[in-house]
Amino acid sequence: METSGIYGLGRVFGHRCLSLSAIVANRVRGEFSADGNAAVEKLITTALPIIAA
């Protein structure tokens, strides 16, 4: 839901938008990340250089 708002506003203002998600839980399997903050940090440090290139 939030992502659709970002994309909609981006389109209205002529911006290119991107959304990324860190997977911290698989509720179906009952598996959860031991350190959700580390997953988010890894997403950021991996994605930023790719986006900036």
PDB file of N, CA and C in Angstrom:
ATOM      1  N   MET A   1       0.803  -1.186   0.000  1.00  0.00           N
ATOM      2  CA  MET A   1       0.000   0.000   0.000  1.00  0.00           C
ATOM      3  C   MET A   1       0.852   1.259   0.000  1.00  0.00           C
ATOM      4  N   GLU A   2       1.803   1.317   0.895  1.00  0.00           N
ATOM      5  CA  GLU A   2       2.657   2.506   0.977  1.00  0.00           C
ATOM      6  C   GLU A   2       3.443   2.691  -0.314  1.00  0.00           C
ATOM      7  N   THR A   3       3.873   1.574  -0.897  1.00  0.00           N
ATOM      8  CA  THR A   3       4.661   1.646  -2.121  1.00  0.00           C
ATOM      9  C   THR A   3       3.845   2.238  -3.267  1.00  0.00           C
ATOM     10  N   SER A   4       2.574   1.907  -3.350  1.00  0.00           N
ATOM     11  CA  SER A   4       1.744   2.462  -4.428  1.00  0.00           C
ATOM     12  C   SER A   4       1.646   3.978  -4.295  1.00  0.00           C
ATOM     13  N   GLY A   5       1.603   4.476  -3.059  1.00  0.00           N
ATOM     14  CA  GLY A   5       1.597   5.919  -2.848  1.00  0.00           C
ATOM     15  C   GLY A   5       2.886   6.572  -3.306  1.00  0.00           C
ATOM     16  N   ILE A   6       4.002   5.920  -3.000  1.00  0.00           N
ATOM     17  CA  ILE A   6       5.312   6.431  -3.432  1.00  0.00           C
ATOM     18  C   ILE A   6       5.378   6.474  -4.953  1.00  0.00           C
ATOM     19  N   TYR A   7       4.955   5.382  -5.598  1.00  0.00           N
ATOM     20  CA  TYR A   7       4.986   5.336  -7.063  1.00  0.00           C
ATOM     21  C   TYR A   7       4.031   6.351  -7.675  1.00  0.00           C
ATOM     22  N   GLY A   8       2.853   6.506  -7.083  1.00  0.00           N
ATOM     23  CA  GLY A   8       1.891   7.477  -7.599  1.00  0.00           C
ATOM     24  C   GLY A   8       2.402   8.901  -7.507  1.00  0.00           C
ATOM     25  N   LEU A   9       2.924   9.273  -6.337  1.00  0.00           N
ATOM     26  CA  LEU A   9       3.472  10.627  -6.179  1.00  0.00           C
ATOM     27  C   LEU A   9       4.694  10.836  -7.067  1.00  0.00           C
ATOM     28  N   GLY A  10       5.518   9.810  -7.192  1.00  0.00           N
ATOM     29  CA  GLY A  10       6.680   9.914  -8.062  1.00  0.00           C
ATOM     30  C   GLY A  10       6.286  10.197  -9.495  1.00  0.00           C
ATOM     31  N   ARG A  11       5.262   9.510  -9.943  1.00  0.00           N
ATOM     32  CA  ARG A  11       4.796   9.722 -11.316  1.00  0.00           C
ATOM     33  C   ARG A  11       4.241  11.133 -11.498  1.00  0.00           C
ATOM     34  N   VAL A  12       3.464  11.590 -10.534  1.00  0.00           N
ATOM     35  CA  VAL A  12       2.883  12.934 -10.610  1.00  0.00           C
ATOM     36  C   VAL A  12       3.982  13.993 -10.709  1.00  0.00           C
ATOM     37  N   PHE A  13       5.053  13.812  -9.946  1.00  0.00           N
ATOM     38  CA  PHE A  13       6.119  14.809  -9.915  1.00  0.00           C
ATOM     39  C   PHE A  13       7.268  14.503 -10.881  1.00  0.00           C
ATOM     40  N   GLY A  14       7.136  13.448 -11.687  1.00  0.00           N
ATOM     41  CA  GLY A  14       8.131  13.136 -12.696  1.00  0.00           C
ATOM     42  C   GLY A  14       9.405  12.492 -12.164  1.00  0.00           C
ATOM     43  N   HIS A  15       9.297  11.809 -11.035  1.00  0.00           N
ATOM     44  CA  HIS A  15      10.461  11.140 -10.445  1.00  0.00           C
ATOM     45  C   HIS A  15      10.453   9.658 -10.775  1.00  0.00           C
ATOM     46  N   ARG A  16      11.614   9.054 -10.730  1.00  0.00           N
ATOM     47  CA  ARG A  16      11.712   7.600 -10.815  1.00  0.00           C
ATOM     48  C   ARG A  16      11.806   7.080  -9.389  1.00  0.00           C
ATOM     49  N   CYS A  17      11.027   6.073  -9.072  1.00  0.00           N
ATOM     50  CA  CYS A  17      10.958   5.569  -7.697  1.00  0.00           C
ATOM     51  C   CYS A  17      11.339   4.100  -7.644  1.00  0.00           C
ATOM     52  N   LEU A  18      11.761   3.700  -6.465  1.00  0.00           N
ATOM     53  CA  LEU A  18      12.166   2.323  -6.223  1.00  0.00           C
ATOM     54  C   LEU A  18      11.827   1.972  -4.789  1.00  0.00           C
ATOM     55  N   SER A  19      11.377   0.765  -4.583  1.00  0.00           N
ATOM     56  CA  SER A  19      11.162   0.295  -3.213  1.00  0.00           C
ATOM     57  C   SER A  19      11.889  -1.040  -3.046  1.00  0.00           C
ATOM     58  N   LEU A  20      12.488  -1.208  -1.894  1.00  0.00           N
ATOM     59  CA  LEU A  20      13.213  -2.431  -1.564  1.00  0.00           C
ATOM     60  C   LEU A  20      12.725  -2.939  -0.222  1.00  0.00           C
ATOM     61  N   SER A  21      12.768  -4.246  -0.044  1.00  0.00           N
ATOM     62  CA  SER A  21      12.328  -4.834   1.220  1.00  0.00           C
ATOM     63  C   SER A  21      13.363  -5.825   1.731  1.00  0.00           C
ATOM     64  N   ALA A  22      13.608  -5.756   3.015  1.00  0.00           N
ATOM     65  CA  ALA A  22      14.453  -6.755   3.672  1.00  0.00           C
ATOM     66  C   ALA A  22      13.527  -7.824   4.245  1.00  0.00           C
ATOM     67  N   ILE A  23      13.775  -9.055   3.911  1.00  0.00           N
ATOM     68  CA  ILE A  23      12.948 -10.149   4.405  1.00  0.00           C
ATOM     69  C   ILE A  23      13.463 -10.540   5.788  1.00  0.00           C
ATOM     70  N   VAL A  24      12.640 -10.335   6.786  1.00  0.00           N
ATOM     71  CA  VAL A  24      13.058 -10.638   8.159  1.00  0.00           C
ATOM     72  C   VAL A  24      12.212 -11.743   8.789  1.00  0.00           C
ATOM     73  N   ALA A  25      11.157 -12.190   8.094  1.00  0.00           N
ATOM     74  CA  ALA A  25      10.325 -13.251   8.647  1.00  0.00           C
ATOM     75  C   ALA A  25       9.663 -14.059   7.541  1.00  0.00           C
ATOM     76  N   ASN A  26       9.624 -15.355   7.727  1.00  0.00           N
ATOM     77  CA  ASN A  26       8.845 -16.243   6.881  1.00  0.00           C
ATOM     78  C   ASN A  26       7.780 -16.842   7.801  1.00  0.00           C
ATOM     79  N   ARG A  27       6.653 -16.183   7.856  1.00  0.00           N
ATOM     80  CA  ARG A  27       5.613 -16.578   8.807  1.00  0.00           C
ATOM     81  C   ARG A  27       5.034 -17.951   8.490  1.00  0.00           C
ATOM     82  N   VAL A  28       5.002 -18.334   7.222  1.00  0.00           N
ATOM     83  CA  VAL A  28       4.464 -19.639   6.850  1.00  0.00           C
ATOM     84  C   VAL A  28       5.306 -20.751   7.466  1.00  0.00           C
ATOM     85  N   ARG A  29       6.613 -20.602   7.384  1.00  0.00           N
ATOM     86  CA  ARG A  29       7.523 -21.608   7.936  1.00  0.00           C
ATOM     87  C   ARG A  29       7.831 -21.384   9.411  1.00  0.00           C
ATOM     88  N   GLY A  30       7.441 -20.230   9.924  1.00  0.00           N
ATOM     89  CA  GLY A  30       7.747 -19.908  11.310  1.00  0.00           C
ATOM     90  C   GLY A  30       9.209 -19.580  11.526  1.00  0.00           C
ATOM     91  N   GLU A  31       9.869 -19.068  10.480  1.00  0.00           N
ATOM     92  CA  GLU A  31      11.286 -18.712  10.559  1.00  0.00           C
ATOM     93  C   GLU A  31      11.410 -17.191  10.649  1.00  0.00           C
ATOM     94  N   PHE A  32      12.218 -16.749  11.583  1.00  0.00           N
ATOM     95  CA  PHE A  32      12.402 -15.320  11.789  1.00  0.00           C
ATOM     96  C   PHE A  32      13.886 -14.997  11.881  1.00  0.00           C
ATOM     97  N   SER A  33      14.261 -13.849  11.356  1.00  0.00           N
ATOM     98  CA  SER A  33      15.646 -13.413  11.422  1.00  0.00           C
ATOM     99  C   SER A  33      16.035 -13.156  12.872  1.00  0.00           C
ATOM    100  N   ALA A  34      17.216 -13.621  13.226  1.00  0.00           N
ATOM    101  CA  ALA A  34      17.711 -13.385  14.584  1.00  0.00           C
ATOM    102  C   ALA A  34      18.057 -11.909  14.797  1.00  0.00           C
ATOM    103  N   ASP A  35      18.419 -11.225  13.701  1.00  0.00           N
ATOM    104  CA  ASP A  35      18.807  -9.816  13.797  1.00  0.00           C
ATOM    105  C   ASP A  35      18.231  -9.058  12.603  1.00  0.00           C
ATOM    106  N   GLY A  36      17.019  -8.535  12.773  1.00  0.00           N
ATOM    107  CA  GLY A  36      16.361  -7.798  11.699  1.00  0.00           C
ATOM    108  C   GLY A  36      17.125  -6.558  11.279  1.00  0.00           C
ATOM    109  N   ASN A  37      17.766  -5.897  12.249  1.00  0.00           N
ATOM    110  CA  ASN A  37      18.555  -4.698  11.919  1.00  0.00           C
ATOM    111  C   ASN A  37      19.702  -5.039  10.987  1.00  0.00           C
ATOM    112  N   ALA A  38      20.340  -6.183  11.187  1.00  0.00           N
ATOM    113  CA  ALA A  38      21.441  -6.597  10.319  1.00  0.00           C
ATOM    114  C   ALA A  38      20.935  -6.845   8.897  1.00  0.00           C
ATOM    115  N   ALA A  39      19.744  -7.411   8.760  1.00  0.00           N
ATOM    116  CA  ALA A  39      19.172  -7.648   7.429  1.00  0.00           C
ATOM    117  C   ALA A  39      18.922  -6.331   6.706  1.00  0.00           C
ATOM    118  N   VAL A  40      18.414  -5.344   7.424  1.00  0.00           N
ATOM    119  CA  VAL A  40      18.163  -4.030   6.825  1.00  0.00           C
ATOM    120  C   VAL A  40      19.480  -3.355   6.450  1.00  0.00           C
ATOM    121  N   GLU A  41      20.454  -3.405   7.329  1.00  0.00           N
ATOM    122  CA  GLU A  41      21.770  -2.818   7.036  1.00  0.00           C
ATOM    123  C   GLU A  41      22.406  -3.475   5.813  1.00  0.00           C
ATOM    124  N   LYS A  42      22.284  -4.798   5.708  1.00  0.00           N
ATOM    125  CA  LYS A  42      22.848  -5.510   4.551  1.00  0.00           C
ATOM    126  C   LYS A  42      22.146  -5.078   3.271  1.00  0.00           C
ATOM    127  N   LEU A  43      20.820  -4.926   3.328  1.00  0.00           N
ATOM    128  CA  LEU A  43      20.076  -4.457   2.165  1.00  0.00           C
ATOM    129  C   LEU A  43      20.578  -3.087   1.731  1.00  0.00           C
ATOM    130  N   ILE A  44      20.747  -2.196   2.677  1.00  0.00           N
ATOM    131  CA  ILE A  44      21.194  -0.831   2.366  1.00  0.00           C
ATOM    132  C   ILE A  44      22.589  -0.840   1.762  1.00  0.00           C
ATOM    133  N   THR A  45      23.528  -1.540   2.405  1.00  0.00           N
ATOM    134  CA  THR A  45      24.914  -1.517   1.920  1.00  0.00           C
ATOM    135  C   THR A  45      25.082  -2.255   0.604  1.00  0.00           C
ATOM    136  N   THR A  46      24.195  -3.198   0.321  1.00  0.00           N
ATOM    137  CA  THR A  46      24.252  -3.905  -0.966  1.00  0.00           C
ATOM    138  C   THR A  46      23.592  -3.086  -2.072  1.00  0.00           C
ATOM    139  N   ALA A  47      22.436  -2.499  -1.762  1.00  0.00           N
ATOM    140  CA  ALA A  47      21.644  -1.836  -2.785  1.00  0.00           C
ATOM    141  C   ALA A  47      22.160  -0.458  -3.178  1.00  0.00           C
ATOM    142  N   LEU A  48      22.649   0.315  -2.229  1.00  0.00           N
ATOM    143  CA  LEU A  48      23.055   1.688  -2.562  1.00  0.00           C
ATOM    144  C   LEU A  48      24.115   1.780  -3.660  1.00  0.00           C
ATOM    145  N   PRO A  49      25.181   0.980  -3.608  1.00  0.00           N
ATOM    146  CA  PRO A  49      26.151   1.073  -4.699  1.00  0.00           C
ATOM    147  C   PRO A  49      25.565   0.686  -6.062  1.00  0.00           C
ATOM    148  N   ILE A  50      24.651  -0.267  -6.058  1.00  0.00           N
ATOM    149  CA  ILE A  50      24.025  -0.686  -7.323  1.00  0.00           C
ATOM    150  C   ILE A  50      23.140   0.422  -7.864  1.00  0.00           C
ATOM    151  N   ILE A  51      22.353   1.040  -6.993  1.00  0.00           N
ATOM    152  CA  ILE A  51      21.458   2.118  -7.410  1.00  0.00           C
ATOM    153  C   ILE A  51      22.257   3.329  -7.885  1.00  0.00           C
ATOM    154  N   ALA A  52      23.347   3.623  -7.197  1.00  0.00           N
ATOM    155  CA  ALA A  52      24.153   4.804  -7.532  1.00  0.00           C
ATOM    156  C   ALA A  52      24.927   4.636  -8.841  1.00  0.00           C
ATOM    157  N   ALA A  53      25.154   3.389  -9.248  1.00  0.00           N
ATOM    158  CA  ALA A  53      25.967   3.147 -10.468  1.00  0.00           C
ATOM    159  C   ALA A  53      25.265   3.527 -11.746  1.00  0.00           C
TER     160      ALA A  53
END
